[in-house]
């Protein structure tokens, strides 16, 4: 599941989430959006690709593939 929510720097972003399916090959995690769980109005589900580093196994940085999107950063909790 990919979930997003407002950050202090952009408090007008709505909450939302969608399910994903993916693969991990050669240290690259690829996630494909499969279905919305909570879809805010006018939002599209996006695909994600990030590089996994064994030096920081609880952290992932990558790219978001969608209009007006750039990068993401995630930490295991």
N, C-alpha and C. Protein backbone atom coordinates (compact mmCIF):
# COMPACT_ATOMS: atom_id res chain seq x y z
N UNK A 1 0.84 -1.17 0.00
CA UNK A 1 0.00 0.00 0.00
C UNK A 1 0.89 1.23 0.00
N UNK A 2 0.52 2.20 -0.82
CA UNK A 2 1.18 3.50 -0.83
C UNK A 2 0.18 4.50 -0.29
N UNK A 3 0.55 5.18 0.78
CA UNK A 3 -0.32 6.16 1.42
C UNK A 3 0.36 7.53 1.39
N UNK A 4 -0.44 8.57 1.19
CA UNK A 4 0.10 9.92 1.22
C UNK A 4 -0.80 10.80 2.08
N UNK A 5 -0.22 11.90 2.53
CA UNK A 5 -0.92 12.78 3.48
C UNK A 5 -0.26 14.14 3.45
N UNK A 6 -0.90 15.16 4.04
CA UNK A 6 -0.32 16.50 4.02
C UNK A 6 0.92 16.58 4.91
N UNK A 7 1.92 17.26 4.39
CA UNK A 7 3.13 17.55 5.17
C UNK A 7 3.02 19.00 5.65
N UNK A 8 3.77 19.36 6.70
CA UNK A 8 3.73 20.75 7.17
C UNK A 8 4.04 21.76 6.07
N UNK A 9 4.88 21.38 5.11
CA UNK A 9 5.24 22.31 4.04
C UNK A 9 4.15 22.44 2.97
N UNK A 10 3.19 21.51 2.95
CA UNK A 10 2.10 21.55 1.96
C UNK A 10 0.82 21.00 2.59
N UNK A 11 0.22 21.75 3.53
CA UNK A 11 -0.91 21.23 4.31
C UNK A 11 -2.21 21.02 3.54
N UNK A 12 -2.27 21.47 2.28
CA UNK A 12 -3.51 21.32 1.51
C UNK A 12 -3.59 19.98 0.75
N UNK A 13 -2.54 19.20 0.78
CA UNK A 13 -2.57 17.88 0.12
C UNK A 13 -3.54 16.98 0.89
N UNK A 14 -4.45 16.31 0.19
CA UNK A 14 -5.39 15.43 0.90
C UNK A 14 -4.74 14.09 1.24
N UNK A 15 -5.39 13.35 2.10
CA UNK A 15 -4.97 11.98 2.40
C UNK A 15 -5.49 11.05 1.32
N UNK A 16 -4.72 9.99 1.05
CA UNK A 16 -5.16 8.99 0.09
C UNK A 16 -4.27 7.77 0.16
N UNK A 17 -4.70 6.69 -0.48
CA UNK A 17 -3.88 5.48 -0.52
C UNK A 17 -4.35 4.58 -1.66
N UNK A 18 -3.40 3.80 -2.19
CA UNK A 18 -3.72 2.83 -3.21
C UNK A 18 -2.85 1.59 -3.03
N UNK A 19 -3.37 0.46 -3.50
CA UNK A 19 -2.64 -0.80 -3.42
C UNK A 19 -1.61 -0.85 -4.54
N UNK A 20 -0.53 -1.60 -4.30
CA UNK A 20 0.52 -1.76 -5.30
C UNK A 20 0.91 -3.23 -5.41
N UNK A 21 1.51 -3.57 -6.53
CA UNK A 21 2.14 -4.88 -6.73
C UNK A 21 3.52 -4.59 -7.27
N UNK A 22 4.50 -5.41 -6.91
CA UNK A 22 5.83 -5.07 -7.37
C UNK A 22 6.83 -6.19 -7.39
N UNK A 23 8.04 -5.80 -7.78
CA UNK A 23 9.16 -6.73 -7.86
C UNK A 23 10.40 -6.07 -7.27
N UNK A 24 11.33 -6.90 -6.82
CA UNK A 24 12.64 -6.45 -6.38
C UNK A 24 13.67 -7.25 -7.16
N UNK A 25 14.39 -6.56 -8.04
CA UNK A 25 15.39 -7.22 -8.87
C UNK A 25 16.66 -6.39 -8.89
N UNK A 26 17.76 -7.02 -8.56
CA UNK A 26 19.08 -6.36 -8.59
C UNK A 26 19.08 -5.05 -7.81
N UNK A 27 18.41 -5.03 -6.66
CA UNK A 27 18.41 -3.86 -5.80
C UNK A 27 17.45 -2.76 -6.22
N UNK A 28 16.60 -3.02 -7.21
CA UNK A 28 15.64 -2.02 -7.66
C UNK A 28 14.23 -2.51 -7.35
N UNK A 29 13.50 -1.73 -6.56
CA UNK A 29 12.12 -2.04 -6.22
C UNK A 29 11.20 -1.28 -7.18
N UNK A 30 10.35 -2.01 -7.90
CA UNK A 30 9.39 -1.41 -8.82
C UNK A 30 7.99 -1.72 -8.31
N UNK A 31 7.19 -0.68 -8.08
CA UNK A 31 5.82 -0.84 -7.60
C UNK A 31 4.85 -0.29 -8.64
N UNK A 32 3.85 -1.06 -8.97
CA UNK A 32 2.83 -0.68 -9.93
C UNK A 32 1.50 -0.49 -9.19
N UNK A 33 0.87 0.64 -9.40
CA UNK A 33 -0.43 0.90 -8.78
C UNK A 33 -1.45 -0.09 -9.31
N UNK A 34 -2.25 -0.69 -8.41
CA UNK A 34 -3.24 -1.68 -8.84
C UNK A 34 -4.68 -1.23 -8.61
N UNK A 35 -4.96 -0.59 -7.48
CA UNK A 35 -6.32 -0.13 -7.22
C UNK A 35 -6.30 0.90 -6.09
N UNK A 36 -7.25 1.80 -6.16
CA UNK A 36 -7.40 2.80 -5.10
C UNK A 36 -8.01 2.17 -3.86
N UNK A 37 -7.53 2.60 -2.70
CA UNK A 37 -8.14 2.28 -1.42
C UNK A 37 -8.94 3.50 -0.95
N UNK A 38 -8.30 4.67 -1.02
CA UNK A 38 -8.94 5.95 -0.68
C UNK A 38 -8.48 6.98 -1.69
N UNK A 39 -9.32 7.31 -2.66
CA UNK A 39 -8.95 8.22 -3.74
C UNK A 39 -9.52 9.61 -3.54
N UNK A 40 -8.63 10.59 -3.36
CA UNK A 40 -9.11 11.97 -3.29
C UNK A 40 -9.52 12.45 -4.69
N UNK A 41 -10.39 13.43 -4.78
CA UNK A 41 -10.81 13.95 -6.08
C UNK A 41 -9.62 14.47 -6.90
N UNK A 42 -9.63 14.18 -8.19
CA UNK A 42 -8.63 14.68 -9.14
C UNK A 42 -7.23 14.13 -8.93
N UNK A 43 -7.07 13.00 -8.24
CA UNK A 43 -5.76 12.39 -8.05
C UNK A 43 -5.66 11.13 -8.89
N UNK A 44 -4.46 10.86 -9.42
CA UNK A 44 -4.18 9.65 -10.18
C UNK A 44 -3.24 8.76 -9.37
N UNK A 45 -3.43 7.45 -9.46
CA UNK A 45 -2.47 6.52 -8.85
C UNK A 45 -1.22 6.51 -9.73
N UNK A 46 -0.06 6.34 -9.14
CA UNK A 46 1.21 6.42 -9.87
C UNK A 46 2.04 5.16 -9.62
N UNK A 47 3.03 4.96 -10.47
CA UNK A 47 3.99 3.88 -10.29
C UNK A 47 5.25 4.45 -9.65
N UNK A 48 5.99 3.58 -8.96
CA UNK A 48 7.18 4.00 -8.22
C UNK A 48 8.35 3.07 -8.52
N UNK A 49 9.55 3.62 -8.51
CA UNK A 49 10.75 2.80 -8.65
C UNK A 49 11.82 3.38 -7.74
N UNK A 50 12.40 2.52 -6.90
CA UNK A 50 13.42 2.98 -5.98
C UNK A 50 14.57 2.02 -5.91
N UNK A 51 15.74 2.53 -5.54
CA UNK A 51 16.94 1.71 -5.40
C UNK A 51 17.12 1.33 -3.94
N UNK A 52 17.30 0.04 -3.72
CA UNK A 52 17.51 -0.51 -2.37
C UNK A 52 19.00 -0.59 -2.10
N UNK A 53 19.44 -0.08 -0.97
CA UNK A 53 20.85 -0.09 -0.58
C UNK A 53 21.00 -0.92 0.69
N UNK A 54 21.82 -1.96 0.67
CA UNK A 54 22.00 -2.83 1.83
C UNK A 54 22.62 -2.09 3.02
N UNK A 55 23.24 -0.94 2.78
CA UNK A 55 23.81 -0.14 3.86
C UNK A 55 22.73 0.56 4.68
N UNK A 56 21.59 0.80 4.07
CA UNK A 56 20.47 1.45 4.75
C UNK A 56 19.20 0.65 4.46
N UNK A 57 19.07 -0.55 5.01
CA UNK A 57 17.97 -1.45 4.64
C UNK A 57 16.57 -0.96 5.03
N UNK A 58 16.46 0.00 5.92
CA UNK A 58 15.15 0.51 6.33
C UNK A 58 14.76 1.79 5.61
N UNK A 59 15.52 2.16 4.59
CA UNK A 59 15.26 3.41 3.88
C UNK A 59 15.25 3.17 2.37
N UNK A 60 14.38 3.88 1.66
CA UNK A 60 14.27 3.75 0.21
C UNK A 60 14.01 5.12 -0.41
N UNK A 61 14.80 5.46 -1.41
CA UNK A 61 14.59 6.69 -2.19
C UNK A 61 14.31 6.29 -3.62
N UNK A 62 13.46 7.05 -4.30
CA UNK A 62 13.17 6.70 -5.68
C UNK A 62 12.41 7.76 -6.43
N UNK A 63 11.90 7.34 -7.58
CA UNK A 63 11.20 8.23 -8.49
C UNK A 63 9.72 7.86 -8.57
N UNK A 64 8.88 8.89 -8.66
CA UNK A 64 7.44 8.72 -8.83
C UNK A 64 7.11 9.01 -10.30
N UNK A 65 6.44 8.07 -10.96
CA UNK A 65 6.10 8.21 -12.38
C UNK A 65 4.65 8.65 -12.53
N UNK A 66 4.46 9.95 -12.68
CA UNK A 66 3.14 10.52 -12.83
C UNK A 66 3.23 12.01 -13.10
N UNK A 67 2.14 12.61 -13.58
CA UNK A 67 2.15 14.05 -13.86
C UNK A 67 2.42 14.86 -12.60
N UNK A 68 3.27 15.86 -12.71
CA UNK A 68 3.61 16.77 -11.60
C UNK A 68 4.25 16.05 -10.42
N UNK A 69 4.87 14.89 -10.65
CA UNK A 69 5.52 14.12 -9.58
C UNK A 69 7.03 14.13 -9.77
N UNK A 70 7.75 13.91 -8.69
CA UNK A 70 9.22 13.91 -8.78
C UNK A 70 9.78 12.67 -8.09
N UNK A 71 10.07 12.79 -6.80
CA UNK A 71 10.75 11.72 -6.07
C UNK A 71 9.97 11.36 -4.81
N UNK A 72 10.40 10.24 -4.18
CA UNK A 72 9.84 9.88 -2.88
C UNK A 72 10.96 9.38 -1.98
N UNK A 73 10.69 9.38 -0.69
CA UNK A 73 11.59 8.87 0.31
C UNK A 73 10.73 8.13 1.33
N UNK A 74 11.13 6.92 1.68
CA UNK A 74 10.33 6.12 2.61
C UNK A 74 11.22 5.43 3.63
N UNK A 75 10.70 5.30 4.84
CA UNK A 75 11.39 4.59 5.92
C UNK A 75 10.48 3.51 6.47
N UNK A 76 11.06 2.34 6.74
CA UNK A 76 10.30 1.26 7.35
C UNK A 76 9.95 1.61 8.77
N UNK A 77 8.70 1.36 9.16
CA UNK A 77 8.30 1.67 10.54
C UNK A 77 7.79 0.41 11.22
